C-alpha atoms as a PDB file:
ATOM      1  CA  MET A   1      -0.012   0.058   0.008  1.00  0.00           C
ATOM      2  CA  HIS A   2       2.630   2.310   0.817  1.00  0.00           C
ATOM      3  CA  GLU A   3       4.501   1.763  -2.571  1.00  0.00           C
ATOM      4  CA  ALA A   4       1.237   2.468  -4.545  1.00  0.00           C
ATOM      5  CA  ALA A   5       0.582   5.577  -2.342  1.00  0.00           C
ATOM      6  CA  SER A   6       4.116   6.919  -3.087  1.00  0.00           C
ATOM      7  CA  ALA A   7       3.807   6.121  -6.826  1.00  0.00           C
ATOM      8  CA  TYR A   8       0.413   7.859  -6.978  1.00  0.00           C
ATOM      9  CA  SER A   9       1.794  10.964  -5.302  1.00  0.00           C
ATOM     10  CA  ASP A  10       4.546  11.025  -7.752  1.00  0.00           C
ATOM     11  CA  ALA A  11       2.202  10.642 -10.622  1.00  0.00           C
ATOM     12  CA  MET A  12       0.241  13.605  -9.494  1.00  0.00           C
ATOM     13  CA  VAL A  13       2.995  16.087 -10.082  1.00  0.00           C
ATOM     14  CA  ASN A  14       5.379  14.227 -12.372  1.00  0.00           C
ATOM     15  CA  LYS A  15       5.407  12.514 -15.797  1.00  0.00           C
ATOM     16  CA  LEU A  16       6.841   8.980 -16.022  1.00  0.00           C
ATOM     17  CA  GLU A  17      10.583   9.580 -16.501  1.00  0.00           C
ATOM     18  CA  ASN A  18      11.688   6.272 -14.615  1.00  0.00           C
ATOM     19  CA  SER A  19       9.852   3.073 -14.723  1.00  0.00           C
ATOM     20  CA  THR A  20      11.448   1.628 -11.617  1.00  0.00           C
ATOM     21  CA  GLY A  21       8.536   2.399  -9.283  1.00  0.00           C
ATOM     22  CA  LEU A  22       6.086   0.827 -11.768  1.00  0.00           C
ATOM     23  CA  VAL A  23       8.183  -2.245 -12.187  1.00  0.00           C
ATOM     24  CA  ASN A  24       8.314  -2.519  -8.370  1.00  0.00           C
ATOM     25  CA  LEU A  25       4.459  -2.298  -8.213  1.00  0.00           C
ATOM     26  CA  TYR A  26       4.104  -4.960 -10.723  1.00  0.00           C
ATOM     27  CA  SER A  27       6.454  -7.159  -8.809  1.00  0.00           C
ATOM     28  CA  LEU A  28       4.357  -6.632  -5.672  1.00  0.00           C
ATOM     29  CA  ARG A  29       1.353  -7.444  -7.623  1.00  0.00           C
ATOM     30  CA  SER A  30       2.804 -10.598  -8.795  1.00  0.00           C
ATOM     31  CA  ARG A  31       3.803 -11.709  -5.325  1.00  0.00           C
ATOM     32  CA  MET A  32       0.256 -10.873  -4.282  1.00  0.00           C
ATOM     33  CA  SER A  33      -1.094 -13.241  -6.847  1.00  0.00           C
ATOM     34  CA  LEU A  34       0.578 -16.145  -4.916  1.00  0.00           C
ATOM     35  CA  PHE A  35      -1.531 -15.691  -2.029  1.00  0.00           C
ATOM     36  CA  SER A  36      -4.401 -13.309  -2.605  1.00  0.00           C
ATOM     37  CA  GLY A  37      -7.904 -14.071  -4.027  1.00  0.00           C
ATOM     38  CA  GLU A  38      -9.392 -12.845  -7.280  1.00  0.00           C
ATOM     39  CA  ASP A  39     -11.111  -9.824  -5.737  1.00  0.00           C
ATOM     40  CA  VAL A  40      -7.967  -8.391  -4.074  1.00  0.00           C
ATOM     41  CA  LEU A  41      -6.100  -8.887  -7.361  1.00  0.00           C
ATOM     42  CA  GLN A  42      -8.791  -7.171  -9.312  1.00  0.00           C
ATOM     43  CA  GLU A  43      -8.644  -4.176  -6.969  1.00  0.00           C
ATOM     44  CA  ALA A  44      -4.780  -4.125  -7.119  1.00  0.00           C
ATOM     45  CA  ASP A  45      -4.962  -4.030 -10.962  1.00  0.00           C
ATOM     46  CA  LYS A  46      -7.478  -1.098 -10.696  1.00  0.00           C
ATOM     47  CA  VAL A  47      -4.910   0.717  -8.397  1.00  0.00           C
ATOM     48  CA  LEU A  48      -1.970   0.005 -10.901  1.00  0.00           C
ATOM     49  CA  GLN A  49      -4.047   1.198 -13.787  1.00  0.00           C
ATOM     50  CA  ILE A  50      -5.041   4.492 -12.036  1.00  0.00           C
ATOM     51  CA  ILE A  51      -1.330   5.173 -11.169  1.00  0.00           C
ATOM     52  CA  ILE A  52      -0.258   4.482 -14.776  1.00  0.00           C
ATOM     53  CA  ASP A  53      -3.061   6.663 -16.168  1.00  0.00           C
ATOM     54  CA  ARG A  54      -2.278   9.521 -13.776  1.00  0.00           C
ATOM     55  CA  TYR A  55       1.372   9.548 -15.058  1.00  0.00           C
ATOM     56  CA  PHE A  56      -0.019  10.424 -18.668  1.00  0.00           C
ATOM     57  CA  VAL A  57      -2.327  13.324 -17.821  1.00  0.00           C
ATOM     58  CA  ASP A  58      -1.648  16.855 -16.852  1.00  0.00           C
ATOM     59  CA  ASP A  59      -0.108  17.444 -13.494  1.00  0.00           C
ATOM     60  CA  ILE A  60      -2.528  18.378 -10.818  1.00  0.00           C
ATOM     61  CA  LYS A  61      -2.596  22.037  -9.699  1.00  0.00           C
ATOM     62  CA  TYR A  62      -3.721  22.072  -6.154  1.00  0.00           C
ATOM     63  CA  SER A  63      -4.528  25.851  -6.141  1.00  0.00           C
ATOM     64  CA  ASN A  64      -7.069  25.214  -8.774  1.00  0.00           C
ATOM     65  CA  MET A  65      -8.580  22.082  -7.313  1.00  0.00           C
ATOM     66  CA  ASN A  66     -12.201  21.790  -6.007  1.00  0.00           C
ATOM     67  CA  PRO A  67     -12.320  20.445  -2.522  1.00  0.00           C
ATOM     68  CA  SER A  68     -14.660  17.753  -3.460  1.00  0.00           C
ATOM     69  CA  ALA A  69     -12.032  16.310  -5.846  1.00  0.00           C
ATOM     70  CA  VAL A  70      -9.817  15.242  -2.918  1.00  0.00           C
ATOM     71  CA  LYS A  71     -11.809  12.026  -2.875  1.00  0.00           C
ATOM     72  CA  GLU A  72      -9.698  11.134  -5.986  1.00  0.00           C
ATOM     73  CA  PHE A  73      -6.674  10.854  -3.759  1.00  0.00           C
ATOM     74  CA  ASP A  74      -8.193   7.766  -1.944  1.00  0.00           C
ATOM     75  CA  LEU A  75      -7.420   5.318  -4.547  1.00  0.00           C
ATOM     76  CA  LEU A  76      -6.540   2.476  -2.006  1.00  0.00           C
ATOM     77  CA  ARG A  77     -10.036   2.469  -0.372  1.00  0.00           C
ATOM     78  CA  ASP A  78     -11.659  -0.271  -2.484  1.00  0.00           C
ATOM     79  CA  PHE A  79      -8.223  -2.381  -2.454  1.00  0.00           C
ATOM     80  CA  THR A  80      -8.153  -2.109   1.313  1.00  0.00           C
ATOM     81  CA  ARG A  81     -11.808  -3.216   1.552  1.00  0.00           C
ATOM     82  CA  ALA A  82     -11.114  -6.227  -0.532  1.00  0.00           C
ATOM     83  CA  CYS A  83      -8.117  -7.091   1.552  1.00  0.00           C
ATOM     84  CA  LYS A  84     -10.115  -6.849   4.695  1.00  0.00           C
ATOM     85  CA  LYS A  85     -12.748  -8.989   3.401  1.00  0.00           C
ATOM     86  CA  GLU A  86     -10.347 -11.723   2.361  1.00  0.00           C
ATOM     87  CA  ILE A  87      -8.532 -11.603   5.768  1.00  0.00           C
ATOM     88  CA  THR A  88     -11.717 -11.861   7.830  1.00  0.00           C
ATOM     89  CA  ARG A  89     -12.646 -15.001   5.901  1.00  0.00           C
ATOM     90  CA  PHE A  90      -9.617 -16.702   7.570  1.00  0.00           C
END
């Protein structure tokens, strides 16, 4: 989760210039596939796609941001819920 949050923060203000962070995220996703269920993996894939997409759009200008847009920063909410649901099954 920390790595995804860091990559998303970077993507908000930078273009993709170094793929190391994304490669690390894909590595974590692959390791998750060894132990996690399909719901968790689907949410992880969504998070990865959001991060990738963010790198290829305009940087966020915080001074022009509508306060209701802050919800966009919570990209890990559904992933966390899927993880919690899976953990409580065990």
